[in-house]
Amino acid sequence: MTTYNIYCDESCHLENDKQKAMAIGGVWCPLDKKEEIFHQLRDLKTKHGLSSKMELKWNKVSSGQLDYYVDVVNYFFDNQDLHFRTLVVPNKAELDHEKFNQTHDEFYYKIYFDMLKTIFEPECYYNIYIDIKDTRSQEKVEKLQEVLCNSQYDFFRHFIRKIQQVRSHEVELVPLADFLTGAVCYANRGLTTSPAKMKIIETIKERSGYDLVSSTYPRESKFNVFIWKAGYGK
């Protein structure tokens, strides 16, 4: 049975950040390929004269290192062991938390569940790593694992083995999740102000065959996008 690691991050997830869209995404790979992928992502940095300790982040994208960022996109699509799924809430202004008796934080974990649940395959094991959100989030992360396990009838946590908070700069694939999720979120925010970011988005569109603002086929396994709609998954 194959064990997979899923690495997750989010973009524009805060309730009052004045950003229209938000997204949560995850990159996953087989556990036995993790170290090789970590090493190759670090090699990409040094190839472009960057420190191997530099953290890949969407909000750091600039024209000065554009070749590096395009190489990261191509590396992802050329590596058959890497997969990505993101859930996009296209307009946070449409959310009515009071109506559904929830806080924005509770909604955040509900859509985390919706993003993750379709990744799981029968007879595989999963470890999930989430970028640390705040000092009070561990209880909610434990609840997320409970709900995910119950949804998969994994009452003894045999298949979904753990959900662990990590510091993104210490784990190479959390920043890759940040980068890809940020790109999809940027497209759904309708922004065009950064030529470098637009080049990356065009590269992703070309390599994936998707426009990034529409849902892909539900079982798309390489680059999966789900556009959440009000009334779904509350």
Foldseek 3Di string as FASTA:
>chain_A
DWEKEKAKEKDPLDLPPPFFKIKIKIKMFTPVCQVVVLVVLLVLQVVQVHHSLDFQAQVPFAPVCLVSLLVLLVVLLVDPRMAMEMEMALGSVPDDCVVVVHDSVVVVLLVVLVRPQLLDDPPYAYEYEYEDDDPPCPVVLVVSLCVSCVVVVNNVCPRDVYYYYDHRSVGRRNSVNNNVNVLLSCVSSVDDPGPSSVVNLVSNCVSVVDNSNDADPSPPTHYGYHYDDPPPRD
